[in-house]
C-alpha atoms as a PDB file:
ATOM      1  CA  ARG A   1     101.381 115.372  78.483  1.00  0.00           C
ATOM      2  CA  LEU A   2      98.682 112.931  79.467  1.00  0.00           C
ATOM      3  CA  VAL A   3      94.988 113.871  79.299  1.00  0.00           C
ATOM      4  CA  LEU A   4      92.090 111.938  80.790  1.00  0.00           C
ATOM      5  CA  SER A   5      88.968 112.072  78.654  1.00  0.00           C
ATOM      6  CA  ASP A   6      86.251 110.957  81.030  1.00  0.00           C
ATOM      7  CA  THR A   7      83.323 112.308  82.990  1.00  0.00           C
ATOM      8  CA  VAL A   8      83.256 113.102  86.695  1.00  0.00           C
ATOM      9  CA  ALA A   9      81.037 110.035  87.121  1.00  0.00           C
ATOM     10  CA  GLY A  10      83.695 107.947  85.385  1.00  0.00           C
ATOM     11  CA  LEU A  11      86.382 109.284  87.715  1.00  0.00           C
ATOM     12  CA  ASN A  12      84.147 108.577  90.723  1.00  0.00           C
ATOM     13  CA  HIS A  13      83.837 104.997  89.464  1.00  0.00           C
ATOM     14  CA  TYR A  14      87.607 104.647  89.780  1.00  0.00           C
ATOM     15  CA  MET A  15      87.560 106.173  93.279  1.00  0.00           C
ATOM     16  CA  HIS A  16      85.091 103.703  94.836  1.00  0.00           C
ATOM     17  CA  GLU A  17      86.580 102.024  97.826  1.00  0.00           C
ATOM     18  CA  SER A  18      87.331  98.350  97.485  1.00  0.00           C
ATOM     19  CA  CYS A  19      89.134  97.771 100.788  1.00  0.00           C
ATOM     20  CA  LEU A  20      88.415  98.068 104.480  1.00  0.00           C
ATOM     21  CA  ILE A  21      91.120  98.650 107.051  1.00  0.00           C
ATOM     22  CA  VAL A  22      90.064  96.925 110.265  1.00  0.00           C
ATOM     23  CA  VAL A  23      91.564  96.625 113.732  1.00  0.00           C
ATOM     24  CA  LEU A  24      90.598  93.633 115.861  1.00  0.00           C
ATOM     25  CA  GLN A  25      91.837  93.351 119.458  1.00  0.00           C
ATOM     26  CA  HIS A  26      91.337  89.543 119.434  1.00  0.00           C
ATOM     27  CA  PRO A  27      91.713  88.698 115.745  1.00  0.00           C
ATOM     28  CA  PRO A  28      90.920  85.289 114.303  1.00  0.00           C
ATOM     29  CA  PRO A  29      93.250  83.604 111.808  1.00  0.00           C
ATOM     30  CA  THR A  30      93.220  85.367 108.429  1.00  0.00           C
ATOM     31  CA  THR A  31      91.538  82.278 106.967  1.00  0.00           C
ATOM     32  CA  GLU A  32      88.451  83.134 109.060  1.00  0.00           C
ATOM     33  CA  LEU A  33      88.417  86.697 107.746  1.00  0.00           C
ATOM     34  CA  GLU A  34      88.691  85.384 104.176  1.00  0.00           C
ATOM     35  CA  LYS A  35      85.424  83.454 104.712  1.00  0.00           C
ATOM     36  CA  ILE A  36      83.401  86.647 105.325  1.00  0.00           C
ATOM     37  CA  ALA A  37      80.842  87.129 102.550  1.00  0.00           C
ATOM     38  CA  GLY A  38      82.157  89.587  99.980  1.00  0.00           C
ATOM     39  CA  VAL A  39      85.806  89.488 101.063  1.00  0.00           C
ATOM     40  CA  THR A  40      88.104  88.699  98.131  1.00  0.00           C
ATOM     41  CA  ALA A  41      91.474  88.934  99.934  1.00  0.00           C
ATOM     42  CA  VAL A  42      92.933  89.599 103.385  1.00  0.00           C
ATOM     43  CA  GLU A  43      96.293  91.176 104.139  1.00  0.00           C
ATOM     44  CA  ALA A  44      97.688  91.282 107.690  1.00  0.00           C
ATOM     45  CA  LEU A  45      99.191  94.746 108.224  1.00  0.00           C
ATOM     46  CA  GLY A  46     100.596  94.073 111.702  1.00  0.00           C
ATOM     47  CA  GLY A  47      99.446  95.357 115.070  1.00  0.00           C
ATOM     48  CA  ASN A  48      96.074  93.583 114.755  1.00  0.00           C
ATOM     49  CA  ARG A  49      95.363  95.606 111.580  1.00  0.00           C
ATOM     50  CA  PHE A  50      94.042  93.947 108.440  1.00  0.00           C
ATOM     51  CA  LYS A  51      93.208  95.070 104.929  1.00  0.00           C
ATOM     52  CA  LEU A  52      90.077  93.342 103.618  1.00  0.00           C
ATOM     53  CA  SER A  53      89.632  93.641  99.854  1.00  0.00           C
ATOM     54  CA  HIS A  54      86.183  93.402  98.289  1.00  0.00           C
ATOM     55  CA  GLU A  55      84.376  94.196  95.070  1.00  0.00           C
ATOM     56  CA  PRO A  56      83.646  97.929  94.657  1.00  0.00           C
ATOM     57  CA  GLY A  57      80.248  98.849  96.045  1.00  0.00           C
ATOM     58  CA  GLN A  58      79.871  95.540  97.935  1.00  0.00           C
ATOM     59  CA  SER A  59      81.370  96.293 101.335  1.00  0.00           C
ATOM     60  CA  PRO A  60      81.445  93.396 103.809  1.00  0.00           C
ATOM     61  CA  ALA A  61      81.413  95.859 106.756  1.00  0.00           C
ATOM     62  CA  GLU A  62      78.028  94.783 108.118  1.00  0.00           C
ATOM     63  CA  SER A  63      78.922  91.084 108.009  1.00  0.00           C
ATOM     64  CA  LEU A  64      82.285  91.848 109.602  1.00  0.00           C
ATOM     65  CA  VAL A  65      80.673  93.742 112.483  1.00  0.00           C
ATOM     66  CA  ASP A  66      78.133  90.951 113.103  1.00  0.00           C
ATOM     67  CA  LEU A  67      80.853  88.273 113.141  1.00  0.00           C
ATOM     68  CA  ALA A  68      83.149  90.373 115.326  1.00  0.00           C
ATOM     69  CA  VAL A  69      80.399  90.732 117.936  1.00  0.00           C
ATOM     70  CA  GLN A  70      79.408  87.052 117.789  1.00  0.00           C
ATOM     71  CA  ASN A  71      83.000  85.834 118.058  1.00  0.00           C
ATOM     72  CA  HIS A  72      84.318  88.453 120.520  1.00  0.00           C
ATOM     73  CA  TRP A  73      86.994  89.751 118.154  1.00  0.00           C
ATOM     74  CA  ARG A  74      86.744  93.232 119.785  1.00  0.00           C
ATOM     75  CA  LEU A  75      86.510  95.278 116.611  1.00  0.00           C
ATOM     76  CA  SER A  76      87.878  98.765 117.298  1.00  0.00           C
ATOM     77  CA  GLU A  77      88.175 100.271 113.818  1.00  0.00           C
ATOM     78  CA  VAL A  78      86.602  99.920 110.384  1.00  0.00           C
ATOM     79  CA  THR A  79      87.769 102.419 107.783  1.00  0.00           C
ATOM     80  CA  PRO A  80      86.947 102.290 104.067  1.00  0.00           C
ATOM     81  CA  GLU A  81      90.079 102.877 102.031  1.00  0.00           C
ATOM     82  CA  LYS A  82      89.575 105.123  99.021  1.00  0.00           C
ATOM     83  CA  ARG A  83      92.014 105.029  96.171  1.00  0.00           C
ATOM     84  CA  SER A  84      94.248 108.063  95.721  1.00  0.00           C
ATOM     85  CA  LEU A  85      94.398 109.996  92.462  1.00  0.00           C
ATOM     86  CA  GLU A  86      97.919 108.644  92.033  1.00  0.00           C
ATOM     87  CA  GLN A  87      96.654 105.048  92.279  1.00  0.00           C
ATOM     88  CA  ILE A  88      93.890 105.816  89.777  1.00  0.00           C
ATOM     89  CA  PHE A  89      96.392 107.412  87.372  1.00  0.00           C
ATOM     90  CA  VAL A  90      98.650 104.350  87.531  1.00  0.00           C
ATOM     91  CA  ASP A  91      95.697 102.006  86.951  1.00  0.00           C
ATOM     92  CA  ILE A  92      94.395 104.010  83.992  1.00  0.00           C
ATOM     93  CA  THR A  93      97.760 104.431  82.284  1.00  0.00           C
ATOM     94  CA  THR A  94      98.720 100.808  82.899  1.00  0.00           C
ATOM     95  CA  SER A  95      95.436  99.514  81.472  1.00  0.00           C
ATOM     96  CA  GLU A  96      95.862 101.763  78.431  1.00  0.00           C
ATOM     97  CA  LYS A  97      99.355 100.366  77.783  1.00  0.00           C
ATOM     98  CA  THR A  98      98.117  96.777  78.043  1.00  0.00           C
ATOM     99  CA  GLY A  99      95.142  97.496  75.792  1.00  0.00           C
ATOM    100  CA  GLU A 100      92.487  96.886  78.438  1.00  0.00           C
ATOM    101  CA  GLY A 101      91.169 100.448  78.491  1.00  0.00           C
ATOM    102  CA  SER A 102      88.302 101.636  80.636  1.00  0.00           C
ATOM    103  CA  GLU A 103      84.611 101.324  80.111  1.00  0.00           C
ATOM    104  CA  SER A 104      83.932 105.021  80.494  1.00  0.00           C
ATOM    105  CA  GLY A 105      87.009 106.885  79.304  1.00  0.00           C
ATOM    106  CA  SER A 106      90.620 106.795  78.357  1.00  0.00           C
ATOM    107  CA  ALA A 107      93.947 108.451  78.890  1.00  0.00           C
ATOM    108  CA  GLU A 108      95.482 109.952  75.778  1.00  0.00           C
ATOM    109  CA  GLN A 109      98.797 111.536  74.920  1.00  0.00           C
ATOM    110  CA  ALA A 110      98.369 115.236  74.161  1.00  0.00           C
ATOM    111  CA  ALA A 111     100.702 117.061  71.823  1.00  0.00           C
END
């Protein structure tokens, strides 16, 4: 059995969104999206959908909206993507196995 010894605040830290899912009717090349302040990576999802990764708590949404209006990209959707509990579990257990650990808590084997 695996037990997480952390606070609710620590769990919320793991749940912070660090991606935006955006739909642009007239999208620019992904290299243009990568230049937006705060964007760390861009993944084309198909159908004019993109996943913009950013540092937690530093959403580039406002910059994206401004640029979309200025450049006529026809932004039709901006959705913050929160991490699922399954994703958080995998991250925590993987970091524990590699010795990285977390700043606020840890996952431990329970007898």
